[in-house]
Amino acid sequence: MKTAELTGAALDWAVAKCEGWEKDMLRRYVRNDPEEFHYEYSTDWAQGGPIIERERLDVYGFDGENWCANDNLRATQYGPTPLIAAMRCYVASKLGDDVEIPEELK
């Protein structure tokens, strides 16, 4: 799947992968086990914000409707919200422009 098209659970899963989640943890995430992980990096500033700060991502309004995020010119991504743009940028910088996403999350 194109990184630029990731949203929702697929984007959050890709961020979790970048954050170093192990394969068994990612499988539990895909099953959406209520007793397990509930990360929403692309919608919760308390979760996505620290990544923006740690990775020193630049996020700014782009065209009145979209946001742009870049990682010191290694990756640039856009999105309808600052967090979506930033998390796409983070994923692109770590995993590239195409990401293998589990079928359950597409």
C-alpha atoms as a PDB file:
ATOM      1  CA  MET A   1       0.000   0.000   0.000  1.00  0.00           C
ATOM      2  CA  LYS A   2       1.264   3.499  -0.751  1.00  0.00           C
ATOM      3  CA  THR A   3       2.396   5.310   2.384  1.00  0.00           C
ATOM      4  CA  ALA A   4       0.694   8.454   1.079  1.00  0.00           C
ATOM      5  CA  GLU A   5      -2.668   6.621   1.200  1.00  0.00           C
ATOM      6  CA  LEU A   6      -2.400   5.167   4.712  1.00  0.00           C
ATOM      7  CA  THR A   7      -5.130   6.194   7.165  1.00  0.00           C
ATOM      8  CA  GLY A   8      -6.758   4.899  10.320  1.00  0.00           C
ATOM      9  CA  ALA A   9      -5.744   1.499  11.651  1.00  0.00           C
ATOM     10  CA  ALA A  10      -3.431   0.827   8.698  1.00  0.00           C
ATOM     11  CA  LEU A  11      -1.447   4.001   9.390  1.00  0.00           C
ATOM     12  CA  ASP A  12      -1.361   3.343  13.133  1.00  0.00           C
ATOM     13  CA  TRP A  13      -0.175  -0.228  12.473  1.00  0.00           C
ATOM     14  CA  ALA A  14       2.633   1.051  10.230  1.00  0.00           C
ATOM     15  CA  VAL A  15       3.700   3.551  12.904  1.00  0.00           C
ATOM     16  CA  ALA A  16       3.700   0.748  15.496  1.00  0.00           C
ATOM     17  CA  LYS A  17       5.947  -1.256  13.198  1.00  0.00           C
ATOM     18  CA  CYS A  18       8.330   1.723  12.946  1.00  0.00           C
ATOM     19  CA  GLU A  19       8.272   2.007  16.718  1.00  0.00           C
ATOM     20  CA  GLY A  20       9.709  -1.498  16.957  1.00  0.00           C
ATOM     21  CA  TRP A  21       6.709  -3.600  17.806  1.00  0.00           C
ATOM     22  CA  GLU A  22       7.513  -7.286  17.495  1.00  0.00           C
ATOM     23  CA  LYS A  23       5.617  -9.532  15.078  1.00  0.00           C
ATOM     24  CA  ASP A  24       3.463 -11.147  17.787  1.00  0.00           C
ATOM     25  CA  MET A  25       2.463  -7.725  19.107  1.00  0.00           C
ATOM     26  CA  LEU A  26       1.527  -6.590  15.596  1.00  0.00           C
ATOM     27  CA  ARG A  27      -0.594  -9.729  15.098  1.00  0.00           C
ATOM     28  CA  ARG A  28      -2.522  -8.939  18.281  1.00  0.00           C
ATOM     29  CA  TYR A  29      -3.049  -5.414  16.981  1.00  0.00           C
ATOM     30  CA  VAL A  30      -4.511  -6.771  13.750  1.00  0.00           C
ATOM     31  CA  ARG A  31      -6.920  -9.018  15.684  1.00  0.00           C
ATOM     32  CA  ASN A  32      -8.027  -5.900  17.585  1.00  0.00           C
ATOM     33  CA  ASP A  33      -7.957  -7.741  20.903  1.00  0.00           C
ATOM     34  CA  PRO A  34      -9.718  -5.466  23.444  1.00  0.00           C
ATOM     35  CA  GLU A  35      -7.285  -6.552  26.144  1.00  0.00           C
ATOM     36  CA  GLU A  36      -4.305  -5.548  24.077  1.00  0.00           C
ATOM     37  CA  PHE A  37      -2.850  -2.467  22.478  1.00  0.00           C
ATOM     38  CA  HIS A  38      -4.851   0.608  21.618  1.00  0.00           C
ATOM     39  CA  TYR A  39      -2.553   2.984  19.883  1.00  0.00           C
ATOM     40  CA  GLU A  40      -3.920   5.773  17.745  1.00  0.00           C
ATOM     41  CA  TYR A  41      -0.819   7.639  16.679  1.00  0.00           C
ATOM     42  CA  SER A  42      -2.603   9.359  13.800  1.00  0.00           C
ATOM     43  CA  THR A  43      -5.450  10.805  15.889  1.00  0.00           C
ATOM     44  CA  ASP A  44      -4.122  11.195  19.441  1.00  0.00           C
ATOM     45  CA  TRP A  45      -1.588  13.978  20.061  1.00  0.00           C
ATOM     46  CA  ALA A  46      -0.448  12.294  23.285  1.00  0.00           C
ATOM     47  CA  GLN A  47       0.755   9.358  21.170  1.00  0.00           C
ATOM     48  CA  GLY A  48       1.777  10.992  17.876  1.00  0.00           C
ATOM     49  CA  GLY A  49       3.117  14.236  19.326  1.00  0.00           C
ATOM     50  CA  PRO A  50       6.173  12.687  21.008  1.00  0.00           C
ATOM     51  CA  ILE A  51       7.138  11.056  17.702  1.00  0.00           C
ATOM     52  CA  ILE A  52       6.961  14.419  15.941  1.00  0.00           C
ATOM     53  CA  GLU A  53       9.181  15.939  18.617  1.00  0.00           C
ATOM     54  CA  ARG A  54      11.643  13.045  18.827  1.00  0.00           C
ATOM     55  CA  GLU A  55      12.012  12.749  15.041  1.00  0.00           C
ATOM     56  CA  ARG A  56      12.081  16.534  14.637  1.00  0.00           C
ATOM     57  CA  LEU A  57       9.421  16.504  11.951  1.00  0.00           C
ATOM     58  CA  ASP A  58       8.397  19.810  10.424  1.00  0.00           C
ATOM     59  CA  VAL A  59       4.614  20.098  10.100  1.00  0.00           C
ATOM     60  CA  TYR A  60       2.869  23.035   8.486  1.00  0.00           C
ATOM     61  CA  GLY A  61      -0.313  24.016   6.687  1.00  0.00           C
ATOM     62  CA  PHE A  62       0.015  23.394   2.983  1.00  0.00           C
ATOM     63  CA  ASP A  63      -2.860  24.626   0.859  1.00  0.00           C
ATOM     64  CA  GLY A  64      -5.696  25.627   3.174  1.00  0.00           C
ATOM     65  CA  GLU A  65      -7.032  22.068   3.311  1.00  0.00           C
ATOM     66  CA  ASN A  66      -4.022  19.813   3.761  1.00  0.00           C
ATOM     67  CA  TRP A  67      -0.945  19.603   5.930  1.00  0.00           C
ATOM     68  CA  CYS A  68       2.613  18.786   4.968  1.00  0.00           C
ATOM     69  CA  ALA A  69       5.259  17.077   7.078  1.00  0.00           C
ATOM     70  CA  ASN A  70       8.888  16.538   6.265  1.00  0.00           C
ATOM     71  CA  ASP A  71      11.821  14.836   7.897  1.00  0.00           C
ATOM     72  CA  ASN A  72      14.813  17.023   7.017  1.00  0.00           C
ATOM     73  CA  LEU A  73      14.156  16.397   3.332  1.00  0.00           C
ATOM     74  CA  ARG A  74      14.430  12.590   3.637  1.00  0.00           C
ATOM     75  CA  ALA A  75      10.667  12.203   3.376  1.00  0.00           C
ATOM     76  CA  THR A  76       7.741  14.505   2.694  1.00  0.00           C
ATOM     77  CA  GLN A  77       4.102  13.505   3.091  1.00  0.00           C
ATOM     78  CA  TYR A  78       0.725  15.227   3.100  1.00  0.00           C
ATOM     79  CA  GLY A  79      -2.546  14.643   4.912  1.00  0.00           C
ATOM     80  CA  PRO A  80      -5.833  16.186   5.954  1.00  0.00           C
ATOM     81  CA  THR A  81      -4.591  16.679   9.544  1.00  0.00           C
ATOM     82  CA  PRO A  82      -1.175  17.490  11.024  1.00  0.00           C
ATOM     83  CA  LEU A  83      -0.955  14.091  12.724  1.00  0.00           C
ATOM     84  CA  ILE A  84      -1.815  12.114   9.600  1.00  0.00           C
ATOM     85  CA  ALA A  85       0.758  14.042   7.571  1.00  0.00           C
ATOM     86  CA  ALA A  86       3.394  13.599  10.286  1.00  0.00           C
ATOM     87  CA  MET A  87       2.754   9.887  10.808  1.00  0.00           C
ATOM     88  CA  ARG A  88       2.849   9.258   7.044  1.00  0.00           C
ATOM     89  CA  CYS A  89       6.151  11.133   6.949  1.00  0.00           C
ATOM     90  CA  TYR A  90       7.529   9.047   9.815  1.00  0.00           C
ATOM     91  CA  VAL A  91       6.481   5.803   8.115  1.00  0.00           C
ATOM     92  CA  ALA A  92       7.933   6.946   4.773  1.00  0.00           C
ATOM     93  CA  SER A  93      11.253   7.831   6.403  1.00  0.00           C
ATOM     94  CA  LYS A  94      11.501   4.411   8.080  1.00  0.00           C
ATOM     95  CA  LEU A  95       9.742   2.016   5.678  1.00  0.00           C
ATOM     96  CA  GLY A  96       9.643   3.823   2.341  1.00  0.00           C
ATOM     97  CA  ASP A  97       6.881   4.802  -0.063  1.00  0.00           C
ATOM     98  CA  ASP A  98       5.240   1.346  -0.089  1.00  0.00           C
ATOM     99  CA  VAL A  99       4.292  -0.641   3.020  1.00  0.00           C
ATOM    100  CA  GLU A 100       3.006  -4.201   3.372  1.00  0.00           C
ATOM    101  CA  ILE A 101      -0.188  -3.897   5.417  1.00  0.00           C
ATOM    102  CA  PRO A 102      -2.156  -6.911   6.710  1.00  0.00           C
ATOM    103  CA  GLU A 103      -5.300  -7.567   4.657  1.00  0.00           C
ATOM    104  CA  GLU A 104      -7.459  -7.069   7.761  1.00  0.00           C
ATOM    105  CA  LEU A 105      -6.396  -3.420   7.927  1.00  0.00           C
ATOM    106  CA  LYS A 106      -6.823  -2.458   4.268  1.00  0.00           C
END
